[in-house]
Amino acid sequence: MVTDTLSAGAPVSPDPARTARGPRRRSLYSAQRRAGWILVLPAVFALSLVTIVPIGYGFYLSLTSYNPVERGGPKFHGLDGYLAVLASGEFWHAIWVTAQYSFGTLVLAVPAALGLALLVNGRFPGVALFRAVLYLPRVVPLVAVSMIWLWLYSHDGLFNYLLDLVGLPPVNFLTDEDTALASLIVMRAWKALGGSMIIFLAGLQGIPKSLLEAASVDGCGRWRTLRHVILPLLAPITTYVVVVDLIYLAQSFSEIYVLTSGGPLSSTTVLNMLIYNEAFEHYRLGNASAMAFLLFCLIFGLAYVSIRTMSRGGRR
C-alpha cells in the first residue's frame, strides 16, 4: 500500500532537519558578516582619519589660496591655483630636474642590477653572503645612506682623498651646479641596486633550464643566449622594475633634502623639493597642494602604464 502511494506520486513530507538548516545557515552568515564589519570598522576609521581625510582636505586646499601666517582661512578660487602652477617656470624646471634625476638613475641602476643578478645567479662558494652584501643598501634607511654619501662627497671625504692620491684637484661634488645632480644620481643608483638585483635574480631563476640547454645545443654562445633568450623572457620583469623604480624616484625628497636642499641654484630641485619649499618656506599651501595633486596624476599615469604593459605581456 505504501509502495503504491509513493509510485502514484503522493506528496512526501519535507525533512524537518533540512527545513530548519536553511534559516540557521542564513543566521550564521549574517552573524559572520556583522562580526566582520565589527572587526574591519576600526581599521576603516583609522585609515579614513590618517589618510582619506587629509587627502580630501589637501584637495580642498589645492582649490584655495591659503597662507597660514596671514589672518583668515583658505579663500576658494577653483582651478586658478592649478593654472598658476602650470604657468610657473619653477614648476616645469622642477619637472625637468625630476625627469633627469629619475631617468639618469634608471640608466645606471637597471643595467647594473641585471649584471649583478647574472653574476650571482650561478653557484660558487659564498654566493649567499655575496647576495646579502649586495642587497644590504636596500635595507639601510635612505637618510642614513644620504649622510654617508654626504661625507663621501665632502671636501675632506673619501672621493676627494682618492683624487688627491692620483694628483687630481678636489671636486665640489654637491656645491657645483655642473656636478650636483650627477652626484645625486650616482648615489641613488647605488641605493637602488640591491632591490632591483633581487627581482632580476628571481626572474632568472624562473627561466626553464631546458630553454638554455636548447640554446647551447643550437650553438648559441653566452652573448647570443643573453640577447635572444634571457632578455626577451625578462622583458616583463624589466618593465616592472623600470616602472616601479620610476614611481619611487618621482617621489624623491629625503636624499635631496639631506645632500643639497635643492641647490646649488635650483639645479637639484625636484618636484617634491619644490612642494616642500612652497609649503614650509613660502607658506603657499594652496599652490603646494596643487603641485602635490599634479604629482599624484603623474604617478598614477606611470602606474596605469605599468598595469597595461604587464597585462599585454601576460596575454601574449
C-alpha atoms as a PDB file:
ATOM      1  CA  MET A   1       0.000   0.000   0.000  1.00  0.00           C
ATOM      2  CA  VAL A   2       2.827   2.361   0.871  1.00  0.00           C
ATOM      3  CA  THR A   3       4.617   1.390  -2.310  1.00  0.00           C
ATOM      4  CA  ASP A   4       1.563   2.118  -4.417  1.00  0.00           C
ATOM      5  CA  THR A   5       1.142   5.512  -2.800  1.00  0.00           C
ATOM      6  CA  LEU A   6       4.752   6.518  -3.494  1.00  0.00           C
ATOM      7  CA  SER A   7       4.620   5.285  -7.054  1.00  0.00           C
ATOM      8  CA  ALA A   8       1.444   7.212  -7.635  1.00  0.00           C
ATOM      9  CA  GLY A   9       3.257  10.435  -6.880  1.00  0.00           C
ATOM     10  CA  ALA A  10       1.836  11.196  -3.487  1.00  0.00           C
ATOM     11  CA  PRO A  11       3.442  14.176  -1.781  1.00  0.00           C
ATOM     12  CA  VAL A  12       6.333  13.392   0.537  1.00  0.00           C
ATOM     13  CA  SER A  13       6.562  15.359   3.751  1.00  0.00           C
ATOM     14  CA  PRO A  14       9.697  17.528   3.914  1.00  0.00           C
ATOM     15  CA  ASP A  15      12.571  16.633   6.160  1.00  0.00           C
ATOM     16  CA  PRO A  16      12.271  18.806   9.304  1.00  0.00           C
ATOM     17  CA  ALA A  17      16.054  18.830   9.871  1.00  0.00           C
ATOM     18  CA  ARG A  18      16.711  20.038   6.316  1.00  0.00           C
ATOM     19  CA  THR A  19      13.978  22.657   6.562  1.00  0.00           C
ATOM     20  CA  ALA A  20      15.490  24.129   9.732  1.00  0.00           C
ATOM     21  CA  ARG A  21      19.026  24.069   8.301  1.00  0.00           C
ATOM     22  CA  GLY A  22      18.387  26.901   5.820  1.00  0.00           C
ATOM     23  CA  PRO A  23      17.432  29.607   8.374  1.00  0.00           C
ATOM     24  CA  ARG A  24      20.326  28.529  10.606  1.00  0.00           C
ATOM     25  CA  ARG A  25      22.780  28.974   7.736  1.00  0.00           C
ATOM     26  CA  ARG A  26      21.376  32.378   6.914  1.00  0.00           C
ATOM     27  CA  SER A  27      21.559  33.490  10.524  1.00  0.00           C
ATOM     28  CA  LEU A  28      25.118  32.179  10.803  1.00  0.00           C
ATOM     29  CA  TYR A  29      26.096  34.039   7.618  1.00  0.00           C
ATOM     30  CA  SER A  30      24.535  37.249   8.968  1.00  0.00           C
ATOM     31  CA  ALA A  31      26.383  36.838  12.258  1.00  0.00           C
ATOM     32  CA  GLN A  32      29.668  36.347  10.405  1.00  0.00           C
ATOM     33  CA  ARG A  33      29.027  39.461   8.335  1.00  0.00           C
ATOM     34  CA  ARG A  34      28.309  41.501  11.457  1.00  0.00           C
ATOM     35  CA  ALA A  35      31.452  40.171  13.120  1.00  0.00           C
ATOM     36  CA  GLY A  36      33.475  41.008  10.009  1.00  0.00           C
ATOM     37  CA  TRP A  37      32.188  44.578   9.944  1.00  0.00           C
ATOM     38  CA  ILE A  38      32.891  44.955  13.674  1.00  0.00           C
ATOM     39  CA  LEU A  39      36.492  43.858  13.106  1.00  0.00           C
ATOM     40  CA  VAL A  40      37.003  45.961   9.973  1.00  0.00           C
ATOM     41  CA  LEU A  41      35.392  49.209  11.119  1.00  0.00           C
ATOM     42  CA  PRO A  42      38.243  50.300  13.476  1.00  0.00           C
ATOM     43  CA  ALA A  43      40.774  49.866  10.661  1.00  0.00           C
ATOM     44  CA  VAL A  44      38.494  51.720   8.216  1.00  0.00           C
ATOM     45  CA  PHE A  45      38.076  54.531  10.735  1.00  0.00           C
ATOM     46  CA  ALA A  46      41.841  54.780  11.343  1.00  0.00           C
ATOM     47  CA  LEU A  47      42.566  54.699   7.599  1.00  0.00           C
ATOM     48  CA  SER A  48      39.999  57.414   6.978  1.00  0.00           C
ATOM     49  CA  LEU A  49      41.351  59.532   9.809  1.00  0.00           C
ATOM     50  CA  VAL A  50      45.026  59.426   8.808  1.00  0.00           C
ATOM     51  CA  THR A  51      44.764  59.012   5.013  1.00  0.00           C
ATOM     52  CA  ILE A  52      41.451  59.720   3.330  1.00  0.00           C
ATOM     53  CA  VAL A  53      40.520  62.822   5.340  1.00  0.00           C
ATOM     54  CA  PRO A  54      43.950  64.506   4.846  1.00  0.00           C
ATOM     55  CA  ILE A  55      43.826  63.712   1.120  1.00  0.00           C
ATOM     56  CA  GLY A  56      40.374  65.254   0.866  1.00  0.00           C
ATOM     57  CA  TYR A  57      41.459  68.317   2.824  1.00  0.00           C
ATOM     58  CA  GLY A  58      44.587  68.623   0.694  1.00  0.00           C
ATOM     59  CA  PHE A  59      42.471  68.563  -2.463  1.00  0.00           C
ATOM     60  CA  TYR A  60      40.271  71.286  -0.975  1.00  0.00           C
ATOM     61  CA  LEU A  61      43.372  73.368  -0.201  1.00  0.00           C
ATOM     62  CA  SER A  62      44.531  72.938  -3.804  1.00  0.00           C
ATOM     63  CA  LEU A  63      41.400  74.823  -4.850  1.00  0.00           C
ATOM     64  CA  THR A  64      42.104  77.708  -2.467  1.00  0.00           C
ATOM     65  CA  SER A  65      44.610  80.432  -1.731  1.00  0.00           C
ATOM     66  CA  TYR A  66      45.833  79.856   1.804  1.00  0.00           C
ATOM     67  CA  ASN A  67      48.740  81.218   3.808  1.00  0.00           C
ATOM     68  CA  PRO A  68      48.592  80.103   7.473  1.00  0.00           C
ATOM     69  CA  VAL A  69      50.778  83.042   8.531  1.00  0.00           C
ATOM     70  CA  GLU A  70      48.214  85.556   7.335  1.00  0.00           C
ATOM     71  CA  ARG A  71      44.916  86.097   9.091  1.00  0.00           C
ATOM     72  CA  GLY A  72      41.871  84.374   7.721  1.00  0.00           C
ATOM     73  CA  GLY A  73      41.216  80.909   6.374  1.00  0.00           C
ATOM     74  CA  PRO A  74      41.506  79.453   2.896  1.00  0.00           C
ATOM     75  CA  LYS A  75      39.956  81.518   0.098  1.00  0.00           C
ATOM     76  CA  PHE A  76      38.328  79.387  -2.569  1.00  0.00           C
ATOM     77  CA  HIS A  77      39.346  80.212  -6.148  1.00  0.00           C
ATOM     78  CA  GLY A  78      38.661  76.968  -8.021  1.00  0.00           C
ATOM     79  CA  LEU A  79      41.208  75.855 -10.597  1.00  0.00           C
ATOM     80  CA  ASP A  80      43.116  79.140 -10.616  1.00  0.00           C
ATOM     81  CA  GLY A  81      45.826  77.594  -8.447  1.00  0.00           C
ATOM     82  CA  TYR A  82      46.349  74.737 -10.897  1.00  0.00           C
ATOM     83  CA  LEU A  83      46.518  77.168 -13.802  1.00  0.00           C
ATOM     84  CA  ALA A  84      49.027  79.317 -11.926  1.00  0.00           C
ATOM     85  CA  VAL A  85      51.193  76.290 -11.162  1.00  0.00           C
ATOM     86  CA  LEU A  86      51.088  75.089 -14.769  1.00  0.00           C
ATOM     87  CA  ALA A  87      52.115  78.564 -15.920  1.00  0.00           C
ATOM     88  CA  SER A  88      55.023  78.683 -13.458  1.00  0.00           C
ATOM     89  CA  GLY A  89      58.550  78.299 -14.766  1.00  0.00           C
ATOM     90  CA  GLU A  90      59.692  76.878 -11.426  1.00  0.00           C
ATOM     91  CA  PHE A  91      57.202  74.028 -11.724  1.00  0.00           C
ATOM     92  CA  TRP A  92      58.368  72.985 -15.195  1.00  0.00           C
ATOM     93  CA  HIS A  93      62.006  73.359 -14.155  1.00  0.00           C
ATOM     94  CA  ALA A  94      61.317  71.005 -11.238  1.00  0.00           C
ATOM     95  CA  ILE A  95      59.602  68.565 -13.634  1.00  0.00           C
ATOM     96  CA  TRP A  96      62.677  68.672 -15.894  1.00  0.00           C
ATOM     97  CA  VAL A  97      65.051  68.100 -12.965  1.00  0.00           C
ATOM     98  CA  THR A  98      62.860  65.236 -11.708  1.00  0.00           C
ATOM     99  CA  ALA A  99      62.899  63.637 -15.169  1.00  0.00           C
ATOM    100  CA  GLN A 100      66.696  63.968 -15.417  1.00  0.00           C
ATOM    101  CA  TYR A 101      67.159  62.554 -11.942  1.00  0.00           C
ATOM    102  CA  SER A 102      64.744  59.652 -12.446  1.00  0.00           C
ATOM    103  CA  PHE A 103      65.830  58.537 -15.909  1.00  0.00           C
ATOM    104  CA  GLY A 104      69.513  59.112 -15.147  1.00  0.00           C
ATOM    105  CA  THR A 105      69.226  56.849 -12.116  1.00  0.00           C
ATOM    106  CA  LEU A 106      67.416  54.189 -14.136  1.00  0.00           C
ATOM    107  CA  VAL A 107      70.038  54.237 -16.884  1.00  0.00           C
ATOM    108  CA  LEU A 108      72.713  53.437 -14.291  1.00  0.00           C
ATOM    109  CA  ALA A 109      70.797  51.193 -11.904  1.00  0.00           C
ATOM    110  CA  VAL A 110      68.808  48.844 -14.155  1.00  0.00           C
ATOM    111  CA  PRO A 111      71.668  47.501 -16.357  1.00  0.00           C
ATOM    112  CA  ALA A 112      73.966  47.281 -13.314  1.00  0.00           C
ATOM    113  CA  ALA A 113      71.314  45.391 -11.335  1.00  0.00           C
ATOM    114  CA  LEU A 114      70.794  42.975 -14.240  1.00  0.00           C
ATOM    115  CA  GLY A 115      74.546  42.425 -14.499  1.00  0.00           C
ATOM    116  CA  LEU A 116      74.812  41.698 -10.774  1.00  0.00           C
ATOM    117  CA  ALA A 117      71.849  39.324 -10.982  1.00  0.00           C
ATOM    118  CA  LEU A 118      73.567  37.418 -13.791  1.00  0.00           C
ATOM    119  CA  LEU A 119      76.731  37.328 -11.706  1.00  0.00           C
ATOM    120  CA  VAL A 120      75.134  35.894  -8.559  1.00  0.00           C
ATOM    121  CA  ASN A 121      72.779  33.541 -10.428  1.00  0.00           C
ATOM    122  CA  GLY A 122      75.446  30.857 -10.560  1.00  0.00           C
ATOM    123  CA  ARG A 123      76.691  28.573  -7.834  1.00  0.00           C
ATOM    124  CA  PHE A 124      80.017  29.308  -6.211  1.00  0.00           C
ATOM    125  CA  PRO A 125      81.354  29.371  -2.637  1.00  0.00           C
ATOM    126  CA  GLY A 126      79.949  32.270  -0.642  1.00  0.00           C
ATOM    127  CA  VAL A 127      77.215  33.172  -3.152  1.00  0.00           C
ATOM    128  CA  ALA A 128      74.596  33.581  -0.406  1.00  0.00           C
ATOM    129  CA  LEU A 129      76.825  36.013   1.511  1.00  0.00           C
ATOM    130  CA  PHE A 130      77.616  37.876  -1.690  1.00  0.00           C
ATOM    131  CA  ARG A 131      73.902  38.300  -2.445  1.00  0.00           C
ATOM    132  CA  ALA A 132      73.252  39.540   1.092  1.00  0.00           C
ATOM    133  CA  VAL A 133      76.037  42.121   0.862  1.00  0.00           C
ATOM    134  CA  LEU A 134      74.732  43.394  -2.476  1.00  0.00           C
ATOM    135  CA  TYR A 135      71.198  43.639  -1.070  1.00  0.00           C
ATOM    136  CA  LEU A 136      72.324  45.457   2.094  1.00  0.00           C
ATOM    137  CA  PRO A 137      71.955  49.035   0.735  1.00  0.00           C
ATOM    138  CA  ARG A 138      68.280  48.321   0.117  1.00  0.00           C
ATOM    139  CA  VAL A 139      67.502  47.795   3.802  1.00  0.00           C
ATOM    140  CA  VAL A 140      69.512  50.783   5.074  1.00  0.00           C
ATOM    141  CA  PRO A 141      67.289  53.876   5.564  1.00  0.00           C
ATOM    142  CA  LEU A 142      67.669  56.450   2.812  1.00  0.00           C
ATOM    143  CA  VAL A 143      68.505  59.245   5.253  1.00  0.00           C
ATOM    144  CA  ALA A 144      71.344  57.179   6.746  1.00  0.00           C
ATOM    145  CA  VAL A 145      72.667  56.401   3.259  1.00  0.00           C
ATOM    146  CA  SER A 146      72.476  60.094   2.368  1.00  0.00           C
ATOM    147  CA  MET A 147      74.503  61.043   5.466  1.00  0.00           C
ATOM    148  CA  ILE A 148      77.215  58.539   4.496  1.00  0.00           C
ATOM    149  CA  TRP A 149      77.380  59.868   0.943  1.00  0.00           C
ATOM    150  CA  LEU A 150      77.405  63.429   2.264  1.00  0.00           C
ATOM    151  CA  TRP A 151      80.730  62.606   3.897  1.00  0.00           C
ATOM    152  CA  LEU A 152      81.988  60.744   0.812  1.00  0.00           C
ATOM    153  CA  TYR A 153      81.251  63.797  -1.359  1.00  0.00           C
ATOM    154  CA  SER A 154      82.590  66.378   1.104  1.00  0.00           C
ATOM    155  CA  HIS A 155      85.813  68.316   0.511  1.00  0.00           C
ATOM    156  CA  ASP A 156      87.653  66.084   3.012  1.00  0.00           C
ATOM    157  CA  GLY A 157      85.766  62.931   2.062  1.00  0.00           C
ATOM    158  CA  LEU A 158      86.887  59.678   0.518  1.00  0.00           C
ATOM    159  CA  PHE A 159      86.348  60.614  -3.124  1.00  0.00           C
ATOM    160  CA  ASN A 160      88.447  63.775  -2.947  1.00  0.00           C
ATOM    161  CA  TYR A 161      91.072  61.851  -0.980  1.00  0.00           C
ATOM    162  CA  LEU A 162      91.325  59.319  -3.826  1.00  0.00           C
ATOM    163  CA  LEU A 163      91.546  62.154  -6.364  1.00  0.00           C
ATOM    164  CA  ASP A 164      94.368  63.678  -4.347  1.00  0.00           C
ATOM    165  CA  LEU A 165      96.255  60.364  -4.370  1.00  0.00           C
ATOM    166  CA  VAL A 166      96.355  60.379  -8.178  1.00  0.00           C
ATOM    167  CA  GLY A 167      97.271  64.067  -8.342  1.00  0.00           C
ATOM    168  CA  LEU A 168      93.886  65.482  -9.364  1.00  0.00           C
ATOM    169  CA  PRO A 169      92.335  68.603  -7.829  1.00  0.00           C
ATOM    170  CA  PRO A 170      89.371  68.253  -5.460  1.00  0.00           C
ATOM    171  CA  VAL A 171      85.840  68.387  -6.876  1.00  0.00           C
ATOM    172  CA  ASN A 172      82.917  70.191  -5.296  1.00  0.00           C
ATOM    173  CA  PHE A 173      80.502  67.346  -5.931  1.00  0.00           C
ATOM    174  CA  LEU A 174      77.455  68.819  -4.204  1.00  0.00           C
ATOM    175  CA  THR A 175      78.115  72.552  -4.384  1.00  0.00           C
ATOM    176  CA  ASP A 176      78.887  72.842  -8.097  1.00  0.00           C
ATOM    177  CA  GLU A 177      75.918  73.273 -10.426  1.00  0.00           C
ATOM    178  CA  ASP A 178      77.571  71.057 -13.056  1.00  0.00           C
ATOM    179  CA  THR A 179      78.175  68.066 -10.773  1.00  0.00           C
ATOM    180  CA  ALA A 180      75.471  68.184  -8.070  1.00  0.00           C
ATOM    181  CA  LEU A 181      72.714  66.384  -9.967  1.00  0.00           C
ATOM    182  CA  ALA A 182      75.092  63.762 -11.372  1.00  0.00           C
ATOM    183  CA  SER A 183      76.399  63.083  -7.860  1.00  0.00           C
ATOM    184  CA  LEU A 184      72.861  62.533  -6.596  1.00  0.00           C
ATOM    185  CA  ILE A 185      72.137  60.181  -9.492  1.00  0.00           C
ATOM    186  CA  VAL A 186      75.180  58.035  -8.674  1.00  0.00           C
ATOM    187  CA  MET A 187      74.185  57.807  -5.019  1.00  0.00           C
ATOM    188  CA  ARG A 188      70.568  56.923  -5.772  1.00  0.00           C
ATOM    189  CA  ALA A 189      71.569  54.326  -8.374  1.00  0.00           C
ATOM    190  CA  TRP A 190      73.792  52.649  -5.787  1.00  0.00           C
ATOM    191  CA  LYS A 191      70.889  52.625  -3.330  1.00  0.00           C
ATOM    192  CA  ALA A 192      68.528  51.038  -5.892  1.00  0.00           C
ATOM    193  CA  LEU A 193      70.892  48.251  -6.965  1.00  0.00           C
ATOM    194  CA  GLY A 194      70.021  45.702  -4.291  1.00  0.00           C
ATOM    195  CA  GLY A 195      66.256  45.660  -4.694  1.00  0.00           C
ATOM    196  CA  SER A 196      66.340  45.557  -8.495  1.00  0.00           C
ATOM    197  CA  MET A 197      69.006  42.844  -8.416  1.00  0.00           C
ATOM    198  CA  ILE A 198      66.825  40.568  -6.274  1.00  0.00           C
ATOM    199  CA  ILE A 199      63.869  40.974  -8.653  1.00  0.00           C
ATOM    200  CA  PHE A 200      66.042  40.205 -11.688  1.00  0.00           C
ATOM    201  CA  LEU A 201      67.536  37.231  -9.863  1.00  0.00           C
ATOM    202  CA  ALA A 202      64.064  35.822  -9.214  1.00  0.00           C
ATOM    203  CA  GLY A 203      63.271  36.249 -12.917  1.00  0.00           C
ATOM    204  CA  LEU A 204      66.479  34.499 -13.960  1.00  0.00           C
ATOM    205  CA  GLN A 205      65.809  31.561 -11.676  1.00  0.00           C
ATOM    206  CA  GLY A 206      62.329  31.239 -13.171  1.00  0.00           C
ATOM    207  CA  ILE A 207      63.670  30.678 -16.705  1.00  0.00           C
ATOM    208  CA  PRO A 208      63.389  26.962 -17.626  1.00  0.00           C
ATOM    209  CA  LYS A 209      66.804  25.348 -17.898  1.00  0.00           C
ATOM    210  CA  SER A 210      65.603  23.401 -20.929  1.00  0.00           C
ATOM    211  CA  LEU A 211      65.496  26.628 -22.949  1.00  0.00           C
ATOM    212  CA  LEU A 212      69.069  27.496 -22.012  1.00  0.00           C
ATOM    213  CA  GLU A 213      70.209  23.958 -22.822  1.00  0.00           C
ATOM    214  CA  ALA A 214      68.429  24.096 -26.190  1.00  0.00           C
ATOM    215  CA  ALA A 215      70.148  27.385 -26.995  1.00  0.00           C
ATOM    216  CA  SER A 216      73.505  25.830 -26.093  1.00  0.00           C
ATOM    217  CA  VAL A 217      72.823  22.811 -28.311  1.00  0.00           C
ATOM    218  CA  ASP A 218      71.926  25.151 -31.192  1.00  0.00           C
ATOM    219  CA  GLY A 219      75.361  26.722 -30.898  1.00  0.00           C
ATOM    220  CA  CYS A 220      74.401  29.972 -29.161  1.00  0.00           C
ATOM    221  CA  GLY A 221      77.184  31.479 -27.119  1.00  0.00           C
ATOM    222  CA  ARG A 222      76.674  33.381 -23.884  1.00  0.00           C
ATOM    223  CA  TRP A 223      76.084  36.723 -25.601  1.00  0.00           C
ATOM    224  CA  ARG A 224      73.568  35.343 -28.125  1.00  0.00           C
ATOM    225  CA  THR A 225      71.779  33.383 -25.368  1.00  0.00           C
ATOM    226  CA  LEU A 226      71.560  36.548 -23.299  1.00  0.00           C
ATOM    227  CA  ARG A 227      70.322  38.623 -26.228  1.00  0.00           C
ATOM    228  CA  HIS A 228      67.872  36.198 -27.830  1.00  0.00           C
ATOM    229  CA  VAL A 229      66.679  34.060 -24.894  1.00  0.00           C
ATOM    230  CA  ILE A 230      67.239  35.655 -21.487  1.00  0.00           C
ATOM    231  CA  LEU A 231      66.436  39.304 -22.213  1.00  0.00           C
ATOM    232  CA  PRO A 232      63.157  38.591 -24.090  1.00  0.00           C
ATOM    233  CA  LEU A 233      61.996  36.336 -21.256  1.00  0.00           C
ATOM    234  CA  LEU A 234      62.914  39.022 -18.716  1.00  0.00           C
ATOM    235  CA  ALA A 235      61.002  41.748 -20.584  1.00  0.00           C
ATOM    236  CA  PRO A 236      58.000  41.753 -18.157  1.00  0.00           C
ATOM    237  CA  ILE A 237      60.361  41.801 -15.172  1.00  0.00           C
ATOM    238  CA  THR A 238      62.364  44.642 -16.692  1.00  0.00           C
ATOM    239  CA  THR A 239      59.177  46.608 -17.335  1.00  0.00           C
ATOM    240  CA  TYR A 240      58.106  46.106 -13.736  1.00  0.00           C
ATOM    241  CA  VAL A 241      61.488  47.185 -12.336  1.00  0.00           C
ATOM    242  CA  VAL A 242      61.664  50.277 -14.548  1.00  0.00           C
ATOM    243  CA  VAL A 243      58.130  51.472 -13.837  1.00  0.00           C
ATOM    244  CA  VAL A 244      58.177  50.803 -10.086  1.00  0.00           C
ATOM    245  CA  ASP A 245      61.584  52.461  -9.688  1.00  0.00           C
ATOM    246  CA  LEU A 246      60.368  55.375 -11.775  1.00  0.00           C
ATOM    247  CA  ILE A 247      57.363  55.808  -9.475  1.00  0.00           C
ATOM    248  CA  TYR A 248      59.614  55.809  -6.408  1.00  0.00           C
ATOM    249  CA  LEU A 249      62.120  58.190  -7.978  1.00  0.00           C
ATOM    250  CA  ALA A 250      59.388  60.642  -8.956  1.00  0.00           C
ATOM    251  CA  GLN A 251      58.660  60.999  -5.220  1.00  0.00           C
ATOM    252  CA  SER A 252      62.289  61.567  -4.193  1.00  0.00           C
ATOM    253  CA  PHE A 253      62.832  64.005  -1.359  1.00  0.00           C
ATOM    254  CA  SER A 254      64.929  62.699   1.560  1.00  0.00           C
ATOM    255  CA  GLU A 255      68.262  62.390  -0.239  1.00  0.00           C
ATOM    256  CA  ILE A 256      67.771  65.754  -1.976  1.00  0.00           C
ATOM    257  CA  TYR A 257      66.989  67.475   1.318  1.00  0.00           C
ATOM    258  CA  VAL A 258      69.972  65.948   3.132  1.00  0.00           C
ATOM    259  CA  LEU A 259      72.594  66.362   0.410  1.00  0.00           C
ATOM    260  CA  THR A 260      71.782  69.598  -1.421  1.00  0.00           C
ATOM    261  CA  SER A 261      68.419  71.006  -0.222  1.00  0.00           C
ATOM    262  CA  GLY A 262      67.644  71.658  -3.881  1.00  0.00           C
ATOM    263  CA  GLY A 263      70.759  73.684  -4.637  1.00  0.00           C
ATOM    264  CA  PRO A 264      73.001  74.973  -5.963  1.00  0.00           C
ATOM    265  CA  LEU A 265      70.886  77.433  -7.974  1.00  0.00           C
ATOM    266  CA  SER A 266      67.914  75.023  -8.020  1.00  0.00           C
ATOM    267  CA  SER A 267      69.912  72.526 -10.065  1.00  0.00           C
ATOM    268  CA  THR A 268      68.662  69.650  -7.872  1.00  0.00           C
ATOM    269  CA  THR A 269      65.187  70.970  -7.006  1.00  0.00           C
ATOM    270  CA  VAL A 270      62.958  68.038  -7.860  1.00  0.00           C
ATOM    271  CA  LEU A 271      59.174  68.362  -7.703  1.00  0.00           C
ATOM    272  CA  ASN A 272      58.826  67.115  -4.126  1.00  0.00           C
ATOM    273  CA  MET A 273      61.513  69.574  -3.026  1.00  0.00           C
ATOM    274  CA  LEU A 274      59.620  72.409  -4.707  1.00  0.00           C
ATOM    275  CA  ILE A 275      56.413  71.325  -2.955  1.00  0.00           C
ATOM    276  CA  TYR A 276      58.254  71.404   0.368  1.00  0.00           C
ATOM    277  CA  ASN A 277      59.618  74.878  -0.324  1.00  0.00           C
ATOM    278  CA  GLU A 278      56.198  76.185  -1.340  1.00  0.00           C
ATOM    279  CA  ALA A 279      54.508  74.757   1.750  1.00  0.00           C
ATOM    280  CA  PHE A 280      57.039  75.248   4.549  1.00  0.00           C
ATOM    281  CA  GLU A 281      59.252  78.115   3.407  1.00  0.00           C
ATOM    282  CA  HIS A 282      56.872  80.349   1.458  1.00  0.00           C
ATOM    283  CA  TYR A 283      53.691  79.131   3.231  1.00  0.00           C
ATOM    284  CA  ARG A 284      51.725  78.910  -0.012  1.00  0.00           C
ATOM    285  CA  LEU A 285      49.772  75.819   0.947  1.00  0.00           C
ATOM    286  CA  GLY A 286      47.293  76.174  -1.903  1.00  0.00           C
ATOM    287  CA  ASN A 287      49.986  76.090  -4.576  1.00  0.00           C
ATOM    288  CA  ALA A 288      51.835  73.294  -2.755  1.00  0.00           C
ATOM    289  CA  SER A 289      48.660  71.180  -2.624  1.00  0.00           C
ATOM    290  CA  ALA A 290      48.020  71.776  -6.324  1.00  0.00           C
ATOM    291  CA  MET A 291      51.573  70.663  -7.137  1.00  0.00           C
ATOM    292  CA  ALA A 292      51.120  67.586  -4.954  1.00  0.00           C
ATOM    293  CA  PHE A 293      47.995  66.518  -6.836  1.00  0.00           C
ATOM    294  CA  LEU A 294      49.670  67.134 -10.178  1.00  0.00           C
ATOM    295  CA  LEU A 295      52.475  64.868  -8.972  1.00  0.00           C
ATOM    296  CA  PHE A 296      49.821  62.318  -7.997  1.00  0.00           C
ATOM    297  CA  CYS A 297      48.420  62.456 -11.546  1.00  0.00           C
ATOM    298  CA  LEU A 298      51.917  61.857 -12.917  1.00  0.00           C
ATOM    299  CA  ILE A 299      52.483  58.857 -10.643  1.00  0.00           C
ATOM    300  CA  PHE A 300      49.003  57.491 -11.401  1.00  0.00           C
ATOM    301  CA  GLY A 301      49.787  57.712 -15.113  1.00  0.00           C
ATOM    302  CA  LEU A 302      53.003  55.761 -14.611  1.00  0.00           C
ATOM    303  CA  ALA A 303      51.155  53.107 -12.611  1.00  0.00           C
ATOM    304  CA  TYR A 304      48.483  52.849 -15.310  1.00  0.00           C
ATOM    305  CA  VAL A 305      51.134  52.373 -17.996  1.00  0.00           C
ATOM    306  CA  SER A 306      52.719  49.684 -15.830  1.00  0.00           C
ATOM    307  CA  ILE A 307      49.461  47.743 -15.422  1.00  0.00           C
ATOM    308  CA  ARG A 308      48.597  47.988 -19.123  1.00  0.00           C
ATOM    309  CA  THR A 309      52.066  46.860 -20.172  1.00  0.00           C
ATOM    310  CA  MET A 310      52.097  43.943 -17.761  1.00  0.00           C
ATOM    311  CA  SER A 311      48.600  42.797 -18.813  1.00  0.00           C
ATOM    312  CA  ARG A 312      49.562  42.875 -22.501  1.00  0.00           C
ATOM    313  CA  GLY A 313      52.669  40.840 -21.732  1.00  0.00           C
ATOM    314  CA  GLY A 314      50.581  38.295 -19.811  1.00  0.00           C
ATOM    315  CA  ARG A 315      48.102  37.845 -22.709  1.00  0.00           C
ATOM    316  CA  ARG A 316      50.920  37.149 -25.116  1.00  0.00           C
END
